[in-house]
Structures are given as C-alpha cells and as structure tokens.
C-alpha cells in the first residue's frame, strides 16, 4: 500500500509504503497529522490529491460500490474505546453487526463467530455478551472494539492511539494483545501514538511525523538507538528513564507546535531546532538515507551524528 497526499494543511507531501504483515508505528506530537493520515488511508477523511493504493487499487478512484467492498479489509480501532461503542447495544450485538451488514453466514454461524472473536481478545462471551459497553472498563472496551475490528477478517488495521485513554497498567495488556493477534492472524498494523515509549515494543518500523510531514523513518531498533533527526531525539529524550540521569539529553528544542495553517518555510521544525541555519528557512529537506542501515531515512539538512 502506498499513500501519497501532496496538498492540504493537516498532511502534506507524505509518502508511506506499508509492507504486508508488518507493524508501522506512526509517532508525533498531538496535531501533527497522524490521525488524519490514518483516517485518509481508510477514506474516513478524503485526501484532496495523491493516491492510496491497496492491493493494486487506488482507493481515491474507486466507485462507491467497489470502495465499500474494499473497506471490509480495512478496519480501524479508535482512540476512545468507550465512545466508539454504541451504548444502546449489547456486546454480542456490537461484535455481530459487521457480520450482519455483510451477510456473513447464517445466524448460528454468526453466533459462533462472535464467541470466537470475544475469546480471541480475552473476553468471556458468556459473561459479557448480554452486557452493555458502559458496564466495562476502558481496557475491556478496547478489547471489544478489537473484536469488532477483526470480525470481517481484515488485512489492515489502523490503530489510532488505542491505549492513550487507558491506565498505564492496562496499556501493556492491549499492546501485547495486538502483537499476539498480528502474529496469529497475519495482520498488517499501523499503530498511531504521540508517545515513543508506547511504540517501543513494535518490532518492525517507526515513522516520525512533525507538522504534517514525515521527518524520519527507520527499523524500530535503529530509530531508538540511533536517531538522526533532532525532533526524534527530542521525543526520545522526553521518555522517562528507569535510572534518573542516564537518559538522553538534547538542548535547544523548545516552543510550541506552529499552526498547520501557516507552517514555517523550508524545514517546518526549524523554529524549534537547535541546529537551524539560513538554509533551513529557504530549502525544504527531503527524506534521504541516514546511514548504512537500509530503510533509515531522515529529512534534515544537518542531522545528528550517527551513534
């Protein structure tokens, strides 16, 4: 799948290639365009230009009938697990709804499938099936949301900040659940988060966004060990360390995220960057190889030295 959106303010000039069976972590501050990008991929937000190619088809140029059919393979897990579930419906009804809409199997087959889905995400169907979402904790609601997303056996799931509304003690459970489901079902995941610490368990690739642009992408281990963009280094430095005084430090990064309606010229990070020079205001940096590790790209005129 290739996404390329070259116009607009929330996301601009972004190209992402997502490989089958991998997890791509998409990280950046609130307001950088992460969720907009995720919603554009599944066409919940319509890009003004560019392309979203899934299995050889550009989703921006499909008929409404064909787009509806393709969407069954593209699902989303939302940030707020409670409000994403219909409070008037019982859990079994919520999970069964996609099967009914698409007329998958007969009534007994759908009931069996609902039980399987709830069991897959660690919810007892006998205890939970006839209860409503408001009777469950945030973590349990996110498990129910995950079961619903899996109902039509999708190939790609966009996880839009799926643990940000949960207690820290529950976050690890949901992250482990998603990783386990990915391995067992062969899923492809886009995991959106504002916190690099949350996506540290991702084993594949991480892309860092700033003000509608991807500024660095690399295999997960390489990004954490050898950040080349000053913004990535700042995000990593903000992660609390188990041993105070042993974490990274980066000086000079300060200020607030500029408005996406009037982004800075040239490099959008230059107004907060400790290495910004005149060239940064005049020329927009493009993603380029950041070193010997394949797939490590950085958009910076003066990247940090390799670790």
C-alpha atoms as a PDB file:
ATOM      1  CA  UNK A   1       0.000   0.000   0.000  1.00  0.00           C
ATOM      2  CA  UNK A   2       1.293   3.452  -0.902  1.00  0.00           C
ATOM      3  CA  UNK A   3      -0.151   6.695   0.445  1.00  0.00           C
ATOM      4  CA  UNK A   4       0.842   9.989  -1.127  1.00  0.00           C
ATOM      5  CA  UNK A   5      -1.005  13.161  -0.147  1.00  0.00           C
ATOM      6  CA  UNK A   6       0.561  16.289  -1.599  1.00  0.00           C
ATOM      7  CA  UNK A   7      -1.953  19.013  -0.811  1.00  0.00           C
ATOM      8  CA  UNK A   8      -3.818  20.383   2.182  1.00  0.00           C
ATOM      9  CA  UNK A   9      -2.697  21.584   5.584  1.00  0.00           C
ATOM     10  CA  UNK A  10      -3.099  18.698   8.033  1.00  0.00           C
ATOM     11  CA  UNK A  11      -0.976  16.296   5.976  1.00  0.00           C
ATOM     12  CA  UNK A  12       1.150  17.357   3.031  1.00  0.00           C
ATOM     13  CA  UNK A  13       3.700  15.645   0.807  1.00  0.00           C
ATOM     14  CA  UNK A  14       3.626  12.340   2.714  1.00  0.00           C
ATOM     15  CA  UNK A  15       4.539   9.020   1.110  1.00  0.00           C
ATOM     16  CA  UNK A  16       4.348   5.806   3.122  1.00  0.00           C
ATOM     17  CA  UNK A  17       4.880   2.262   1.939  1.00  0.00           C
ATOM     18  CA  UNK A  18       3.388  -0.386   4.187  1.00  0.00           C
ATOM     19  CA  UNK A  19       4.509  -3.977   3.771  1.00  0.00           C
ATOM     20  CA  UNK A  20       2.166  -6.906   4.253  1.00  0.00           C
ATOM     21  CA  UNK A  21       2.425  -8.406   7.747  1.00  0.00           C
ATOM     22  CA  UNK A  22       4.396  -5.584   9.365  1.00  0.00           C
ATOM     23  CA  UNK A  23       3.576  -3.062  12.067  1.00  0.00           C
ATOM     24  CA  UNK A  24       4.331   0.566  11.270  1.00  0.00           C
ATOM     25  CA  UNK A  25       4.484   2.886  14.278  1.00  0.00           C
ATOM     26  CA  UNK A  26       3.422   6.446  13.405  1.00  0.00           C
ATOM     27  CA  UNK A  27       4.585   8.877  16.094  1.00  0.00           C
ATOM     28  CA  UNK A  28       4.452  12.623  16.692  1.00  0.00           C
ATOM     29  CA  UNK A  29       3.020  15.375  18.858  1.00  0.00           C
ATOM     30  CA  UNK A  30      -0.721  15.979  19.005  1.00  0.00           C
ATOM     31  CA  UNK A  31      -1.760  17.988  15.962  1.00  0.00           C
ATOM     32  CA  UNK A  32       0.970  16.720  13.643  1.00  0.00           C
ATOM     33  CA  UNK A  33      -1.470  14.918  11.320  1.00  0.00           C
ATOM     34  CA  UNK A  34      -1.090  11.296  12.457  1.00  0.00           C
ATOM     35  CA  UNK A  35      -4.797  10.573  12.868  1.00  0.00           C
ATOM     36  CA  UNK A  36      -5.651  12.461   9.683  1.00  0.00           C
ATOM     37  CA  UNK A  37      -3.216  10.256   7.775  1.00  0.00           C
ATOM     38  CA  UNK A  38      -4.715   7.110   9.310  1.00  0.00           C
ATOM     39  CA  UNK A  39      -8.263   8.178   8.505  1.00  0.00           C
ATOM     40  CA  UNK A  40      -7.255   9.128   4.960  1.00  0.00           C
ATOM     41  CA  UNK A  41      -5.896   5.626   4.373  1.00  0.00           C
ATOM     42  CA  UNK A  42      -9.306   4.087   5.114  1.00  0.00           C
ATOM     43  CA  UNK A  43     -11.107   7.026   3.437  1.00  0.00           C
ATOM     44  CA  UNK A  44     -12.769   8.347   6.591  1.00  0.00           C
ATOM     45  CA  UNK A  45     -11.082  11.582   5.552  1.00  0.00           C
ATOM     46  CA  UNK A  46     -10.848  12.224   1.815  1.00  0.00           C
ATOM     47  CA  UNK A  47      -7.478  13.479   0.555  1.00  0.00           C
ATOM     48  CA  UNK A  48      -7.598  16.411  -1.849  1.00  0.00           C
ATOM     49  CA  UNK A  49      -4.938  14.814  -4.053  1.00  0.00           C
ATOM     50  CA  UNK A  50      -2.476  11.946  -4.223  1.00  0.00           C
ATOM     51  CA  UNK A  51      -3.230   8.242  -4.024  1.00  0.00           C
ATOM     52  CA  UNK A  52      -3.981   5.470  -1.554  1.00  0.00           C
ATOM     53  CA  UNK A  53      -3.053   2.179  -3.226  1.00  0.00           C
ATOM     54  CA  UNK A  54      -4.247  -1.041  -1.600  1.00  0.00           C
ATOM     55  CA  UNK A  55      -3.664  -4.372  -3.335  1.00  0.00           C
ATOM     56  CA  UNK A  56      -3.136  -2.596  -6.639  1.00  0.00           C
ATOM     57  CA  UNK A  57      -6.245  -0.411  -6.460  1.00  0.00           C
ATOM     58  CA  UNK A  58      -6.248   3.341  -5.832  1.00  0.00           C
ATOM     59  CA  UNK A  59      -8.949   3.904  -3.224  1.00  0.00           C
ATOM     60  CA  UNK A  60      -9.380   7.517  -4.332  1.00  0.00           C
ATOM     61  CA  UNK A  61     -10.685   6.472  -7.738  1.00  0.00           C
ATOM     62  CA  UNK A  62     -12.994   3.575  -6.899  1.00  0.00           C
ATOM     63  CA  UNK A  63     -16.742   3.607  -7.346  1.00  0.00           C
ATOM     64  CA  UNK A  64     -18.742   3.802  -4.122  1.00  0.00           C
ATOM     65  CA  UNK A  65     -19.764   0.140  -4.530  1.00  0.00           C
ATOM     66  CA  UNK A  66     -16.198  -1.074  -5.018  1.00  0.00           C
ATOM     67  CA  UNK A  67     -14.865   1.150  -2.223  1.00  0.00           C
ATOM     68  CA  UNK A  68     -17.435  -0.301   0.170  1.00  0.00           C
ATOM     69  CA  UNK A  69     -16.294  -3.825  -0.717  1.00  0.00           C
ATOM     70  CA  UNK A  70     -12.602  -2.980  -0.236  1.00  0.00           C
ATOM     71  CA  UNK A  71     -13.280  -1.285   3.086  1.00  0.00           C
ATOM     72  CA  UNK A  72     -14.193  -4.640   4.612  1.00  0.00           C
ATOM     73  CA  UNK A  73     -10.454  -5.409   4.519  1.00  0.00           C
ATOM     74  CA  UNK A  74      -9.532  -2.070   6.140  1.00  0.00           C
ATOM     75  CA  UNK A  75     -10.585  -1.604   9.746  1.00  0.00           C
ATOM     76  CA  UNK A  76      -9.891   0.921  12.487  1.00  0.00           C
ATOM     77  CA  UNK A  77      -9.538   0.813  16.264  1.00  0.00           C
ATOM     78  CA  UNK A  78     -10.313   4.236  17.714  1.00  0.00           C
ATOM     79  CA  UNK A  79      -8.709   6.237  20.492  1.00  0.00           C
ATOM     80  CA  UNK A  80     -11.663   6.359  22.890  1.00  0.00           C
ATOM     81  CA  UNK A  81     -12.800   2.762  23.397  1.00  0.00           C
ATOM     82  CA  UNK A  82     -15.983   3.678  25.283  1.00  0.00           C
ATOM     83  CA  UNK A  83     -17.444   6.277  22.916  1.00  0.00           C
ATOM     84  CA  UNK A  84     -16.598   4.140  19.873  1.00  0.00           C
ATOM     85  CA  UNK A  85     -19.127   1.515  21.043  1.00  0.00           C
ATOM     86  CA  UNK A  86     -22.878   2.010  20.779  1.00  0.00           C
ATOM     87  CA  UNK A  87     -24.114   2.327  24.416  1.00  0.00           C
ATOM     88  CA  UNK A  88     -27.579   1.020  23.469  1.00  0.00           C
ATOM     89  CA  UNK A  89     -26.299  -2.264  22.077  1.00  0.00           C
ATOM     90  CA  UNK A  90     -25.126  -5.316  23.914  1.00  0.00           C
ATOM     91  CA  UNK A  91     -21.581  -6.540  23.403  1.00  0.00           C
ATOM     92  CA  UNK A  92     -22.594  -9.551  21.307  1.00  0.00           C
ATOM     93  CA  UNK A  93     -24.674  -7.289  19.051  1.00  0.00           C
ATOM     94  CA  UNK A  94     -21.786  -4.853  18.604  1.00  0.00           C
ATOM     95  CA  UNK A  95     -19.372  -7.573  17.519  1.00  0.00           C
ATOM     96  CA  UNK A  96     -22.001  -9.294  15.346  1.00  0.00           C
ATOM     97  CA  UNK A  97     -23.059  -6.132  13.481  1.00  0.00           C
ATOM     98  CA  UNK A  98     -20.335  -6.254  10.755  1.00  0.00           C
ATOM     99  CA  UNK A  99     -21.267  -9.884  10.043  1.00  0.00           C
ATOM    100  CA  UNK A 100     -24.924  -8.930   9.676  1.00  0.00           C
ATOM    101  CA  UNK A 101     -24.209  -5.927   7.467  1.00  0.00           C
ATOM    102  CA  UNK A 102     -22.145  -8.096   5.122  1.00  0.00           C
ATOM    103  CA  UNK A 103     -24.473 -11.116   5.500  1.00  0.00           C
ATOM    104  CA  UNK A 104     -21.643 -13.411   6.540  1.00  0.00           C
ATOM    105  CA  UNK A 105     -23.017 -16.885   7.327  1.00  0.00           C
ATOM    106  CA  UNK A 106     -26.354 -17.714   8.887  1.00  0.00           C
ATOM    107  CA  UNK A 107     -27.493 -16.836  12.411  1.00  0.00           C
ATOM    108  CA  UNK A 108     -25.865 -19.837  14.160  1.00  0.00           C
ATOM    109  CA  UNK A 109     -22.589 -19.269  12.283  1.00  0.00           C
ATOM    110  CA  UNK A 110     -22.564 -15.609  13.300  1.00  0.00           C
ATOM    111  CA  UNK A 111     -23.174 -16.516  16.924  1.00  0.00           C
ATOM    112  CA  UNK A 112     -20.270 -18.956  16.824  1.00  0.00           C
ATOM    113  CA  UNK A 113     -18.038 -16.351  15.179  1.00  0.00           C
ATOM    114  CA  UNK A 114     -18.898 -13.749  17.862  1.00  0.00           C
ATOM    115  CA  UNK A 115     -17.908 -16.206  20.592  1.00  0.00           C
ATOM    116  CA  UNK A 116     -14.610 -16.923  18.824  1.00  0.00           C
ATOM    117  CA  UNK A 117     -13.827 -13.215  18.426  1.00  0.00           C
ATOM    118  CA  UNK A 118     -14.522 -12.357  22.053  1.00  0.00           C
ATOM    119  CA  UNK A 119     -12.448 -15.302  23.236  1.00  0.00           C
ATOM    120  CA  UNK A 120      -9.577 -14.203  20.957  1.00  0.00           C
ATOM    121  CA  UNK A 121      -9.388 -10.833  22.713  1.00  0.00           C
ATOM    122  CA  UNK A 122      -9.726 -12.250  26.225  1.00  0.00           C
ATOM    123  CA  UNK A 123     -13.419 -11.521  26.876  1.00  0.00           C
ATOM    124  CA  UNK A 124     -15.699 -14.262  28.222  1.00  0.00           C
ATOM    125  CA  UNK A 125     -18.683 -14.324  25.809  1.00  0.00           C
ATOM    126  CA  UNK A 126     -20.972 -15.919  28.399  1.00  0.00           C
ATOM    127  CA  UNK A 127     -20.336 -13.176  30.948  1.00  0.00           C
ATOM    128  CA  UNK A 128     -20.037 -10.218  28.570  1.00  0.00           C
ATOM    129  CA  UNK A 129     -22.246 -10.976  25.578  1.00  0.00           C
ATOM    130  CA  UNK A 130     -25.503  -9.604  27.010  1.00  0.00           C
ATOM    131  CA  UNK A 131     -23.991  -6.641  28.842  1.00  0.00           C
ATOM    132  CA  UNK A 132     -23.562  -3.100  27.507  1.00  0.00           C
ATOM    133  CA  UNK A 133     -20.277  -1.173  26.994  1.00  0.00           C
ATOM    134  CA  UNK A 134     -20.772   1.156  29.967  1.00  0.00           C
ATOM    135  CA  UNK A 135     -20.551  -1.859  32.271  1.00  0.00           C
ATOM    136  CA  UNK A 136     -16.912  -2.438  31.298  1.00  0.00           C
ATOM    137  CA  UNK A 137     -13.587  -0.752  31.962  1.00  0.00           C
ATOM    138  CA  UNK A 138     -11.717   1.167  29.264  1.00  0.00           C
ATOM    139  CA  UNK A 139      -9.347  -1.736  28.668  1.00  0.00           C
ATOM    140  CA  UNK A 140     -12.216  -4.208  28.296  1.00  0.00           C
ATOM    141  CA  UNK A 141     -13.999  -1.848  25.884  1.00  0.00           C
ATOM    142  CA  UNK A 142     -10.843  -1.651  23.778  1.00  0.00           C
ATOM    143  CA  UNK A 143     -10.759  -5.454  23.636  1.00  0.00           C
ATOM    144  CA  UNK A 144     -14.385  -5.423  22.470  1.00  0.00           C
ATOM    145  CA  UNK A 145     -13.517  -2.790  19.839  1.00  0.00           C
ATOM    146  CA  UNK A 146     -10.671  -5.011  18.675  1.00  0.00           C
ATOM    147  CA  UNK A 147     -13.010  -7.999  18.371  1.00  0.00           C
ATOM    148  CA  UNK A 148     -15.367  -5.917  16.237  1.00  0.00           C
ATOM    149  CA  UNK A 149     -12.474  -4.791  14.017  1.00  0.00           C
ATOM    150  CA  UNK A 150     -11.470  -8.430  13.465  1.00  0.00           C
ATOM    151  CA  UNK A 151     -14.980  -9.641  12.562  1.00  0.00           C
ATOM    152  CA  UNK A 152     -14.556  -9.400   8.774  1.00  0.00           C
ATOM    153  CA  UNK A 153     -11.009 -10.796   8.796  1.00  0.00           C
ATOM    154  CA  UNK A 154      -9.323  -7.559   7.672  1.00  0.00           C
ATOM    155  CA  UNK A 155      -5.848  -7.386   6.195  1.00  0.00           C
ATOM    156  CA  UNK A 156      -5.011  -3.915   7.538  1.00  0.00           C
ATOM    157  CA  UNK A 157      -5.993  -2.345  10.869  1.00  0.00           C
ATOM    158  CA  UNK A 158      -5.340   1.317  11.709  1.00  0.00           C
ATOM    159  CA  UNK A 159      -4.857   1.598  15.481  1.00  0.00           C
ATOM    160  CA  UNK A 160      -5.448   5.282  16.268  1.00  0.00           C
ATOM    161  CA  UNK A 161      -3.931   5.915  19.718  1.00  0.00           C
ATOM    162  CA  UNK A 162      -5.618   2.739  21.033  1.00  0.00           C
ATOM    163  CA  UNK A 163      -4.042   2.923  24.505  1.00  0.00           C
ATOM    164  CA  UNK A 164      -3.795   6.666  25.180  1.00  0.00           C
ATOM    165  CA  UNK A 165      -7.091   6.723  27.113  1.00  0.00           C
ATOM    166  CA  UNK A 166      -6.131   3.726  29.251  1.00  0.00           C
ATOM    167  CA  UNK A 167      -4.296   3.365  32.546  1.00  0.00           C
ATOM    168  CA  UNK A 168      -0.615   2.552  32.235  1.00  0.00           C
ATOM    169  CA  UNK A 169      -1.186  -0.862  33.792  1.00  0.00           C
ATOM    170  CA  UNK A 170      -3.687  -1.709  31.025  1.00  0.00           C
ATOM    171  CA  UNK A 171      -1.701  -0.285  28.112  1.00  0.00           C
ATOM    172  CA  UNK A 172       0.798  -3.158  28.089  1.00  0.00           C
ATOM    173  CA  UNK A 173      -2.036  -5.700  28.020  1.00  0.00           C
ATOM    174  CA  UNK A 174      -3.598  -4.130  24.914  1.00  0.00           C
ATOM    175  CA  UNK A 175      -0.210  -3.758  23.201  1.00  0.00           C
ATOM    176  CA  UNK A 176       0.591  -7.408  23.865  1.00  0.00           C
ATOM    177  CA  UNK A 177      -2.864  -8.417  22.637  1.00  0.00           C
ATOM    178  CA  UNK A 178      -2.423  -6.546  19.344  1.00  0.00           C
ATOM    179  CA  UNK A 179       1.027  -8.008  18.783  1.00  0.00           C
ATOM    180  CA  UNK A 180      -0.237 -11.517  19.533  1.00  0.00           C
ATOM    181  CA  UNK A 181      -3.198 -11.122  17.160  1.00  0.00           C
ATOM    182  CA  UNK A 182      -0.891  -9.794  14.468  1.00  0.00           C
ATOM    183  CA  UNK A 183       1.320 -12.877  14.678  1.00  0.00           C
ATOM    184  CA  UNK A 184      -1.555 -15.377  14.852  1.00  0.00           C
ATOM    185  CA  UNK A 185      -3.751 -13.819  12.156  1.00  0.00           C
ATOM    186  CA  UNK A 186      -1.102 -12.353   9.842  1.00  0.00           C
ATOM    187  CA  UNK A 187      -2.375  -8.791  10.255  1.00  0.00           C
ATOM    188  CA  UNK A 188      -0.796  -5.605   8.984  1.00  0.00           C
ATOM    189  CA  UNK A 189      -0.981  -2.764  11.530  1.00  0.00           C
ATOM    190  CA  UNK A 190      -0.497   0.993  11.546  1.00  0.00           C
ATOM    191  CA  UNK A 191      -0.054   1.951  15.195  1.00  0.00           C
ATOM    192  CA  UNK A 192      -0.546   5.683  15.827  1.00  0.00           C
ATOM    193  CA  UNK A 193       0.748   7.253  19.043  1.00  0.00           C
ATOM    194  CA  UNK A 194       2.123  10.520  20.407  1.00  0.00           C
ATOM    195  CA  UNK A 195       4.447   8.587  22.736  1.00  0.00           C
ATOM    196  CA  UNK A 196       7.576   6.816  21.502  1.00  0.00           C
ATOM    197  CA  UNK A 197       7.676   4.866  24.756  1.00  0.00           C
ATOM    198  CA  UNK A 198       4.336   3.247  23.883  1.00  0.00           C
ATOM    199  CA  UNK A 199       5.509   2.009  20.481  1.00  0.00           C
ATOM    200  CA  UNK A 200       8.856   0.784  21.776  1.00  0.00           C
ATOM    201  CA  UNK A 201       7.585  -2.786  21.647  1.00  0.00           C
ATOM    202  CA  UNK A 202       6.960  -2.515  17.888  1.00  0.00           C
ATOM    203  CA  UNK A 203       9.377  -4.832  16.135  1.00  0.00           C
ATOM    204  CA  UNK A 204       9.171  -3.508  12.587  1.00  0.00           C
ATOM    205  CA  UNK A 205       9.334   0.154  11.516  1.00  0.00           C
ATOM    206  CA  UNK A 206       8.638   3.549  13.056  1.00  0.00           C
ATOM    207  CA  UNK A 207       7.889   6.786  11.189  1.00  0.00           C
ATOM    208  CA  UNK A 208       8.099  10.136  12.993  1.00  0.00           C
ATOM    209  CA  UNK A 209       5.752  12.937  11.889  1.00  0.00           C
ATOM    210  CA  UNK A 210       6.067  16.644  12.500  1.00  0.00           C
ATOM    211  CA  UNK A 211       3.515  19.209  11.342  1.00  0.00           C
ATOM    212  CA  UNK A 212       2.124  17.101   8.517  1.00  0.00           C
ATOM    213  CA  UNK A 213       5.482  15.738   7.294  1.00  0.00           C
ATOM    214  CA  UNK A 214       7.397  12.538   7.940  1.00  0.00           C
ATOM    215  CA  UNK A 215      10.825  13.615   9.178  1.00  0.00           C
ATOM    216  CA  UNK A 216      12.410  10.239   9.939  1.00  0.00           C
ATOM    217  CA  UNK A 217      11.682   6.572   9.379  1.00  0.00           C
ATOM    218  CA  UNK A 218      13.747   3.540  10.318  1.00  0.00           C
ATOM    219  CA  UNK A 219      13.606  -0.020  11.603  1.00  0.00           C
ATOM    220  CA  UNK A 220      12.362   0.233  15.183  1.00  0.00           C
ATOM    221  CA  UNK A 221      15.584  -0.787  16.924  1.00  0.00           C
ATOM    222  CA  UNK A 222      17.699   1.513  14.777  1.00  0.00           C
ATOM    223  CA  UNK A 223      15.468   4.522  15.417  1.00  0.00           C
ATOM    224  CA  UNK A 224      15.660   4.128  19.180  1.00  0.00           C
ATOM    225  CA  UNK A 225      19.403   3.512  19.233  1.00  0.00           C
ATOM    226  CA  UNK A 226      20.473   5.973  16.559  1.00  0.00           C
ATOM    227  CA  UNK A 227      18.012   8.855  15.989  1.00  0.00           C
ATOM    228  CA  UNK A 228      19.271  11.233  13.310  1.00  0.00           C
ATOM    229  CA  UNK A 229      16.563  13.917  13.290  1.00  0.00           C
ATOM    230  CA  UNK A 230      16.664  16.446  16.140  1.00  0.00           C
ATOM    231  CA  UNK A 231      12.904  16.117  16.654  1.00  0.00           C
ATOM    232  CA  UNK A 232      13.153  12.332  17.038  1.00  0.00           C
ATOM    233  CA  UNK A 233      15.964  12.809  19.555  1.00  0.00           C
ATOM    234  CA  UNK A 234      13.798  15.263  21.491  1.00  0.00           C
ATOM    235  CA  UNK A 235      10.906  12.788  21.641  1.00  0.00           C
ATOM    236  CA  UNK A 236      13.246  10.062  22.867  1.00  0.00           C
ATOM    237  CA  UNK A 237      14.777  12.384  25.450  1.00  0.00           C
ATOM    238  CA  UNK A 238      11.288  13.007  26.838  1.00  0.00           C
ATOM    239  CA  UNK A 239      10.797   9.330  27.699  1.00  0.00           C
ATOM    240  CA  UNK A 240      11.215   8.849  31.466  1.00  0.00           C
ATOM    241  CA  UNK A 241      14.260   6.731  32.239  1.00  0.00           C
ATOM    242  CA  UNK A 242      14.308   3.918  34.760  1.00  0.00           C
ATOM    243  CA  UNK A 243      17.553   5.335  36.151  1.00  0.00           C
ATOM    244  CA  UNK A 244      17.467   9.133  36.511  1.00  0.00           C
ATOM    245  CA  UNK A 245      20.446  10.821  34.930  1.00  0.00           C
ATOM    246  CA  UNK A 246      21.195   8.038  32.433  1.00  0.00           C
ATOM    247  CA  UNK A 247      18.824   9.058  29.626  1.00  0.00           C
ATOM    248  CA  UNK A 248      19.468  11.119  26.518  1.00  0.00           C
ATOM    249  CA  UNK A 249      19.600  14.877  26.713  1.00  0.00           C
ATOM    250  CA  UNK A 250      19.030  17.351  23.904  1.00  0.00           C
ATOM    251  CA  UNK A 251      19.331  21.085  24.274  1.00  0.00           C
ATOM    252  CA  UNK A 252      17.647  23.910  22.400  1.00  0.00           C
ATOM    253  CA  UNK A 253      14.366  22.242  21.421  1.00  0.00           C
ATOM    254  CA  UNK A 254      11.620  24.430  22.812  1.00  0.00           C
ATOM    255  CA  UNK A 255       8.437  26.286  21.965  1.00  0.00           C
ATOM    256  CA  UNK A 256       5.042  25.116  20.764  1.00  0.00           C
ATOM    257  CA  UNK A 257       3.985  23.333  17.606  1.00  0.00           C
ATOM    258  CA  UNK A 258       3.347  26.010  14.916  1.00  0.00           C
ATOM    259  CA  UNK A 259      -0.074  26.265  13.309  1.00  0.00           C
ATOM    260  CA  UNK A 260      -0.533  23.871  10.362  1.00  0.00           C
ATOM    261  CA  UNK A 261      -2.456  26.703   8.654  1.00  0.00           C
ATOM    262  CA  UNK A 262       0.766  28.709   8.402  1.00  0.00           C
ATOM    263  CA  UNK A 263       3.731  26.314   8.713  1.00  0.00           C
ATOM    264  CA  UNK A 264       7.277  27.725   8.690  1.00  0.00           C
ATOM    265  CA  UNK A 265       9.024  27.953   5.341  1.00  0.00           C
ATOM    266  CA  UNK A 266      11.643  25.400   4.417  1.00  0.00           C
ATOM    267  CA  UNK A 267      12.073  22.907   7.239  1.00  0.00           C
ATOM    268  CA  UNK A 268       8.967  23.009   9.395  1.00  0.00           C
ATOM    269  CA  UNK A 269      10.954  22.103  12.507  1.00  0.00           C
ATOM    270  CA  UNK A 270      13.483  24.926  12.125  1.00  0.00           C
ATOM    271  CA  UNK A 271      11.693  27.293  14.551  1.00  0.00           C
ATOM    272  CA  UNK A 272      12.387  24.806  17.363  1.00  0.00           C
ATOM    273  CA  UNK A 273      15.606  23.194  16.148  1.00  0.00           C
ATOM    274  CA  UNK A 274      18.971  23.785  17.896  1.00  0.00           C
ATOM    275  CA  UNK A 275      20.875  23.353  14.584  1.00  0.00           C
ATOM    276  CA  UNK A 276      18.750  25.544  12.303  1.00  0.00           C
ATOM    277  CA  UNK A 277      20.634  27.735   9.800  1.00  0.00           C
ATOM    278  CA  UNK A 278      19.647  30.026   6.951  1.00  0.00           C
ATOM    279  CA  UNK A 279      19.406  27.105   4.522  1.00  0.00           C
ATOM    280  CA  UNK A 280      16.701  25.548   6.698  1.00  0.00           C
ATOM    281  CA  UNK A 281      14.382  28.517   6.087  1.00  0.00           C
ATOM    282  CA  UNK A 282      14.973  28.505   2.331  1.00  0.00           C
ATOM    283  CA  UNK A 283      15.023  24.828   1.352  1.00  0.00           C
ATOM    284  CA  UNK A 284      12.709  22.050   2.470  1.00  0.00           C
ATOM    285  CA  UNK A 285      14.705  18.923   3.355  1.00  0.00           C
ATOM    286  CA  UNK A 286      13.753  15.668   1.652  1.00  0.00           C
ATOM    287  CA  UNK A 287      13.936  12.176   3.091  1.00  0.00           C
ATOM    288  CA  UNK A 288      17.315  10.646   2.301  1.00  0.00           C
ATOM    289  CA  UNK A 289      19.434   7.771   3.508  1.00  0.00           C
ATOM    290  CA  UNK A 290      20.697   8.403   7.032  1.00  0.00           C
ATOM    291  CA  UNK A 291      23.475   5.827   7.152  1.00  0.00           C
ATOM    292  CA  UNK A 292      24.361   2.235   6.345  1.00  0.00           C
ATOM    293  CA  UNK A 293      21.171   0.700   7.788  1.00  0.00           C
ATOM    294  CA  UNK A 294      18.694   0.015   4.980  1.00  0.00           C
ATOM    295  CA  UNK A 295      15.422   1.890   5.384  1.00  0.00           C
ATOM    296  CA  UNK A 296      16.751   4.564   7.743  1.00  0.00           C
ATOM    297  CA  UNK A 297      15.723   7.875   6.162  1.00  0.00           C
ATOM    298  CA  UNK A 298      15.852  11.398   7.575  1.00  0.00           C
ATOM    299  CA  UNK A 299      14.588  14.770   6.317  1.00  0.00           C
ATOM    300  CA  UNK A 300      17.194  17.152   7.745  1.00  0.00           C
ATOM    301  CA  UNK A 301      19.950  19.340   6.274  1.00  0.00           C
ATOM    302  CA  UNK A 302      22.072  18.928   9.408  1.00  0.00           C
ATOM    303  CA  UNK A 303      21.191  15.582  11.006  1.00  0.00           C
ATOM    304  CA  UNK A 304      22.620  14.402  14.278  1.00  0.00           C
ATOM    305  CA  UNK A 305      25.831  12.408  14.076  1.00  0.00           C
ATOM    306  CA  UNK A 306      25.392   8.657  13.970  1.00  0.00           C
ATOM    307  CA  UNK A 307      25.638   6.973  17.347  1.00  0.00           C
END
